[in-house]
Amino acid sequence: MATAGYAQGGVGRGSLVRTAAYVVGGLFLLVGILGFIPGITTHYDMLSWAGHHSGAMLFGIFNVSALHNIVHLIFGVAGLAMGRAAATARTFLLGGGIIYLALWIFGMLVDQDSRANFIPVNTADNWLHLGLGAAMVVLGVLLPAAAFSGSPQRGRPEAHAH
């Protein structure tokens, strides 16, 4: 039985886990787009397809390449598409969070000046990937799937829930 103010299923209005997937997906899309804009991405003329030799820096801080930006765009589209239902939104947050935590581990282990650093990542990227991955996992685990619909209305089943 649903608690007051929540509807079962999470496909309806206002699901927190769905909203989180939409917000995270939207942020990924934004970052992916910004990575291709000169000025926002400093040393844009040094943007390469992939690899540690890309000298482009998003906001002058985060090392990016075309591949890195495209990955952000793909994650953004995935977040928006998977945010349509609570179960898939949770899968996006948990799966994406695990992928970003794995990317953090990769960044900590790889020599930043080696060919193995194909993404590329730098120290700022590593800290961002740790925070982002952890936040996505926490959101995926803790946010309720039920859709919040505001105050229960008289005559609706959730108005009589105990």
C-alpha atoms as a PDB file:
ATOM      1  CA  MET A   1       0.000   0.000   0.000  1.00  0.00           C
ATOM      2  CA  ALA A   2       1.310   3.455  -0.873  1.00  0.00           C
ATOM      3  CA  THR A   3       2.144   5.993   1.802  1.00  0.00           C
ATOM      4  CA  ALA A   4       0.445   9.378   1.797  1.00  0.00           C
ATOM      5  CA  GLY A   5       1.696  11.511  -1.061  1.00  0.00           C
ATOM      6  CA  TYR A   6       3.367   8.706  -3.007  1.00  0.00           C
ATOM      7  CA  ALA A   7       2.013   6.718  -5.911  1.00  0.00           C
ATOM      8  CA  GLN A   8       3.222   3.215  -6.660  1.00  0.00           C
ATOM      9  CA  GLY A   9       5.297   2.390  -9.709  1.00  0.00           C
ATOM     10  CA  GLY A  10       7.451   5.465 -10.186  1.00  0.00           C
ATOM     11  CA  VAL A  11       6.397   5.986 -13.807  1.00  0.00           C
ATOM     12  CA  GLY A  12       4.091   8.869 -12.904  1.00  0.00           C
ATOM     13  CA  ARG A  13       4.894  12.373 -11.734  1.00  0.00           C
ATOM     14  CA  GLY A  14       7.840  13.537  -9.694  1.00  0.00           C
ATOM     15  CA  SER A  15       9.851  10.379  -8.957  1.00  0.00           C
ATOM     16  CA  LEU A  16      13.039  11.501  -7.207  1.00  0.00           C
ATOM     17  CA  VAL A  17      15.186   8.781  -8.793  1.00  0.00           C
ATOM     18  CA  ARG A  18      13.862   9.744 -12.229  1.00  0.00           C
ATOM     19  CA  THR A  19      14.519  13.426 -11.559  1.00  0.00           C
ATOM     20  CA  ALA A  20      18.081  12.606 -10.468  1.00  0.00           C
ATOM     21  CA  ALA A  21      18.681  10.650 -13.694  1.00  0.00           C
ATOM     22  CA  TYR A  22      17.346  13.578 -15.748  1.00  0.00           C
ATOM     23  CA  VAL A  23      19.526  16.097 -13.889  1.00  0.00           C
ATOM     24  CA  VAL A  24      22.677  13.970 -14.116  1.00  0.00           C
ATOM     25  CA  GLY A  25      21.962  13.182 -17.781  1.00  0.00           C
ATOM     26  CA  GLY A  26      21.398  16.864 -18.518  1.00  0.00           C
ATOM     27  CA  LEU A  27      24.665  17.794 -16.820  1.00  0.00           C
ATOM     28  CA  PHE A  28      26.541  15.180 -18.846  1.00  0.00           C
ATOM     29  CA  LEU A  29      25.029  16.576 -22.053  1.00  0.00           C
ATOM     30  CA  LEU A  30      25.989  20.105 -21.056  1.00  0.00           C
ATOM     31  CA  VAL A  31      29.575  19.126 -20.233  1.00  0.00           C
ATOM     32  CA  GLY A  32      29.856  17.164 -23.484  1.00  0.00           C
ATOM     33  CA  ILE A  33      28.724  20.187 -25.486  1.00  0.00           C
ATOM     34  CA  LEU A  34      30.910  22.638 -23.541  1.00  0.00           C
ATOM     35  CA  GLY A  35      33.933  20.447 -24.262  1.00  0.00           C
ATOM     36  CA  PHE A  36      33.587  21.374 -27.936  1.00  0.00           C
ATOM     37  CA  ILE A  37      33.298  25.149 -27.398  1.00  0.00           C
ATOM     38  CA  PRO A  38      36.501  27.188 -27.734  1.00  0.00           C
ATOM     39  CA  GLY A  39      37.032  29.550 -24.820  1.00  0.00           C
ATOM     40  CA  ILE A  40      35.132  27.354 -22.384  1.00  0.00           C
ATOM     41  CA  THR A  41      37.613  24.684 -23.386  1.00  0.00           C
ATOM     42  CA  THR A  42      41.036  26.317 -23.242  1.00  0.00           C
ATOM     43  CA  HIS A  43      43.743  25.288 -25.708  1.00  0.00           C
ATOM     44  CA  TYR A  44      40.934  24.138 -27.987  1.00  0.00           C
ATOM     45  CA  ASP A  45      43.379  24.035 -30.898  1.00  0.00           C
ATOM     46  CA  MET A  46      45.117  21.167 -29.051  1.00  0.00           C
ATOM     47  CA  LEU A  47      41.943  19.051 -28.838  1.00  0.00           C
ATOM     48  CA  SER A  48      42.733  15.610 -30.220  1.00  0.00           C
ATOM     49  CA  TRP A  49      40.524  12.605 -30.911  1.00  0.00           C
ATOM     50  CA  ALA A  50      41.899  10.678 -27.914  1.00  0.00           C
ATOM     51  CA  GLY A  51      45.052  10.172 -25.908  1.00  0.00           C
ATOM     52  CA  HIS A  52      47.213  11.845 -23.328  1.00  0.00           C
ATOM     53  CA  HIS A  53      48.618  14.312 -25.862  1.00  0.00           C
ATOM     54  CA  SER A  54      45.321  16.244 -26.022  1.00  0.00           C
ATOM     55  CA  GLY A  55      46.098  19.622 -24.496  1.00  0.00           C
ATOM     56  CA  ALA A  56      42.500  20.867 -24.397  1.00  0.00           C
ATOM     57  CA  MET A  57      41.237  21.735 -20.911  1.00  0.00           C
ATOM     58  CA  LEU A  58      37.553  22.131 -20.061  1.00  0.00           C
ATOM     59  CA  PHE A  59      37.253  25.269 -17.886  1.00  0.00           C
ATOM     60  CA  GLY A  60      41.068  25.308 -17.937  1.00  0.00           C
ATOM     61  CA  ILE A  61      41.046  22.425 -15.417  1.00  0.00           C
ATOM     62  CA  PHE A  62      39.866  19.103 -16.856  1.00  0.00           C
ATOM     63  CA  ASN A  63      41.832  17.396 -19.632  1.00  0.00           C
ATOM     64  CA  VAL A  64      39.468  16.495 -22.496  1.00  0.00           C
ATOM     65  CA  SER A  65      39.566  14.975 -25.950  1.00  0.00           C
ATOM     66  CA  ALA A  66      36.890  14.505 -28.591  1.00  0.00           C
ATOM     67  CA  LEU A  67      36.395  10.940 -27.299  1.00  0.00           C
ATOM     68  CA  HIS A  68      36.035  12.199 -23.723  1.00  0.00           C
ATOM     69  CA  ASN A  69      33.406  14.743 -24.826  1.00  0.00           C
ATOM     70  CA  ILE A  70      31.515  12.140 -26.863  1.00  0.00           C
ATOM     71  CA  VAL A  71      31.428   9.817 -23.838  1.00  0.00           C
ATOM     72  CA  HIS A  72      29.831  12.656 -21.849  1.00  0.00           C
ATOM     73  CA  LEU A  73      27.257  13.156 -24.623  1.00  0.00           C
ATOM     74  CA  ILE A  74      26.444   9.423 -24.673  1.00  0.00           C
ATOM     75  CA  PHE A  75      26.019   9.364 -20.887  1.00  0.00           C
ATOM     76  CA  GLY A  76      23.769  12.415 -21.175  1.00  0.00           C
ATOM     77  CA  VAL A  77      21.505  10.809 -23.758  1.00  0.00           C
ATOM     78  CA  ALA A  78      21.440   7.600 -21.695  1.00  0.00           C
ATOM     79  CA  GLY A  79      20.437   9.510 -18.551  1.00  0.00           C
ATOM     80  CA  LEU A  80      17.607  11.308 -20.320  1.00  0.00           C
ATOM     81  CA  ALA A  81      16.363   8.126 -22.008  1.00  0.00           C
ATOM     82  CA  MET A  82      16.658   5.964 -18.899  1.00  0.00           C
ATOM     83  CA  GLY A  83      15.065   8.617 -16.684  1.00  0.00           C
ATOM     84  CA  ARG A  84      11.653   7.781 -18.162  1.00  0.00           C
ATOM     85  CA  ALA A  85      11.001   5.032 -15.586  1.00  0.00           C
ATOM     86  CA  ALA A  86      12.190   4.562 -12.014  1.00  0.00           C
ATOM     87  CA  ALA A  87      13.805   1.158 -12.603  1.00  0.00           C
ATOM     88  CA  THR A  88      15.868   2.294 -15.581  1.00  0.00           C
ATOM     89  CA  ALA A  89      16.719   5.600 -13.876  1.00  0.00           C
ATOM     90  CA  ARG A  90      18.107   3.637 -10.931  1.00  0.00           C
ATOM     91  CA  THR A  91      20.045   1.392 -13.347  1.00  0.00           C
ATOM     92  CA  PHE A  92      21.546   4.483 -15.006  1.00  0.00           C
ATOM     93  CA  LEU A  93      22.607   5.993 -11.683  1.00  0.00           C
ATOM     94  CA  LEU A  94      24.056   2.761 -10.287  1.00  0.00           C
ATOM     95  CA  GLY A  95      25.648   1.537 -13.520  1.00  0.00           C
ATOM     96  CA  GLY A  96      26.971   4.962 -14.474  1.00  0.00           C
ATOM     97  CA  GLY A  97      28.277   5.491 -10.956  1.00  0.00           C
ATOM     98  CA  ILE A  98      30.124   2.183 -11.038  1.00  0.00           C
ATOM     99  CA  ILE A  99      31.592   3.042 -14.450  1.00  0.00           C
ATOM    100  CA  TYR A 100      32.813   6.414 -13.162  1.00  0.00           C
ATOM    101  CA  LEU A 101      34.304   4.799 -10.048  1.00  0.00           C
ATOM    102  CA  ALA A 102      36.110   2.351 -12.352  1.00  0.00           C
ATOM    103  CA  LEU A 103      37.312   5.330 -14.401  1.00  0.00           C
ATOM    104  CA  TRP A 104      38.617   6.907 -11.172  1.00  0.00           C
ATOM    105  CA  ILE A 105      40.553   3.710 -10.399  1.00  0.00           C
ATOM    106  CA  PHE A 106      41.878   3.671 -13.985  1.00  0.00           C
ATOM    107  CA  GLY A 107      42.993   7.285 -13.612  1.00  0.00           C
ATOM    108  CA  MET A 108      44.752   6.546 -10.336  1.00  0.00           C
ATOM    109  CA  LEU A 109      46.635   3.586 -11.801  1.00  0.00           C
ATOM    110  CA  VAL A 110      47.537   4.794 -15.291  1.00  0.00           C
ATOM    111  CA  ASP A 111      50.629   6.872 -15.961  1.00  0.00           C
ATOM    112  CA  GLN A 112      49.106  10.153 -17.166  1.00  0.00           C
ATOM    113  CA  ASP A 113      51.874  10.595 -19.742  1.00  0.00           C
ATOM    114  CA  SER A 114      51.575   7.097 -21.204  1.00  0.00           C
ATOM    115  CA  ARG A 115      49.707   5.824 -24.252  1.00  0.00           C
ATOM    116  CA  ALA A 116      47.451   3.883 -21.865  1.00  0.00           C
ATOM    117  CA  ASN A 117      45.880   7.217 -20.848  1.00  0.00           C
ATOM    118  CA  PHE A 118      43.675   7.162 -23.949  1.00  0.00           C
ATOM    119  CA  ILE A 119      40.655   8.956 -22.449  1.00  0.00           C
ATOM    120  CA  PRO A 120      42.618  11.267 -21.260  1.00  0.00           C
ATOM    121  CA  VAL A 121      42.451  11.926 -17.507  1.00  0.00           C
ATOM    122  CA  ASN A 122      44.396  14.179 -15.176  1.00  0.00           C
ATOM    123  CA  THR A 123      44.330  14.652 -11.394  1.00  0.00           C
ATOM    124  CA  ALA A 124      41.329  17.008 -11.536  1.00  0.00           C
ATOM    125  CA  ASP A 125      39.442  14.473 -13.686  1.00  0.00           C
ATOM    126  CA  ASN A 126      40.256  11.730 -11.184  1.00  0.00           C
ATOM    127  CA  TRP A 127      38.777  13.656  -8.257  1.00  0.00           C
ATOM    128  CA  LEU A 128      35.727  14.577 -10.327  1.00  0.00           C
ATOM    129  CA  HIS A 129      35.206  10.942 -11.376  1.00  0.00           C
ATOM    130  CA  LEU A 130      35.438   9.804  -7.736  1.00  0.00           C
ATOM    131  CA  GLY A 131      32.885  12.383  -6.567  1.00  0.00           C
ATOM    132  CA  LEU A 132      30.571  11.858  -9.513  1.00  0.00           C
ATOM    133  CA  GLY A 133      30.690   8.067  -9.301  1.00  0.00           C
ATOM    134  CA  ALA A 134      30.074   8.060  -5.551  1.00  0.00           C
ATOM    135  CA  ALA A 135      27.216  10.576  -5.851  1.00  0.00           C
ATOM    136  CA  MET A 136      25.527   8.589  -8.626  1.00  0.00           C
ATOM    137  CA  VAL A 137      25.733   5.345  -6.626  1.00  0.00           C
ATOM    138  CA  VAL A 138      24.388   7.045  -3.484  1.00  0.00           C
ATOM    139  CA  LEU A 139      21.502   8.585  -5.453  1.00  0.00           C
ATOM    140  CA  GLY A 140      20.742   5.247  -7.098  1.00  0.00           C
ATOM    141  CA  VAL A 141      20.681   3.439  -3.761  1.00  0.00           C
ATOM    142  CA  LEU A 142      18.912   5.975  -1.559  1.00  0.00           C
ATOM    143  CA  LEU A 143      16.317   7.751  -3.688  1.00  0.00           C
ATOM    144  CA  PRO A 144      12.796   6.315  -3.587  1.00  0.00           C
ATOM    145  CA  ALA A 145      11.274   4.977  -6.793  1.00  0.00           C
ATOM    146  CA  ALA A 146       7.761   6.001  -5.788  1.00  0.00           C
ATOM    147  CA  ALA A 147       6.390   9.058  -7.539  1.00  0.00           C
ATOM    148  CA  PHE A 148       5.657  11.944  -5.216  1.00  0.00           C
ATOM    149  CA  SER A 149       2.362  13.504  -6.159  1.00  0.00           C
ATOM    150  CA  GLY A 150       2.043  16.202  -3.504  1.00  0.00           C
ATOM    151  CA  SER A 151      -0.680  16.218  -0.877  1.00  0.00           C
ATOM    152  CA  PRO A 152      -3.082  13.288  -1.005  1.00  0.00           C
ATOM    153  CA  GLN A 153      -6.469  14.269  -2.353  1.00  0.00           C
ATOM    154  CA  ARG A 154      -9.756  13.278  -0.772  1.00  0.00           C
ATOM    155  CA  GLY A 155     -11.170  10.179  -2.398  1.00  0.00           C
ATOM    156  CA  ARG A 156      -7.808   8.903  -3.655  1.00  0.00           C
ATOM    157  CA  PRO A 157      -6.530   5.599  -2.216  1.00  0.00           C
ATOM    158  CA  GLU A 158      -3.302   7.107  -0.847  1.00  0.00           C
ATOM    159  CA  ALA A 159      -5.332   9.580   1.226  1.00  0.00           C
ATOM    160  CA  HIS A 160      -6.452   6.661   3.389  1.00  0.00           C
ATOM    161  CA  ALA A 161      -3.073   4.904   3.707  1.00  0.00           C
ATOM    162  CA  HIS A 162      -1.740   4.296   7.190  1.00  0.00           C
END
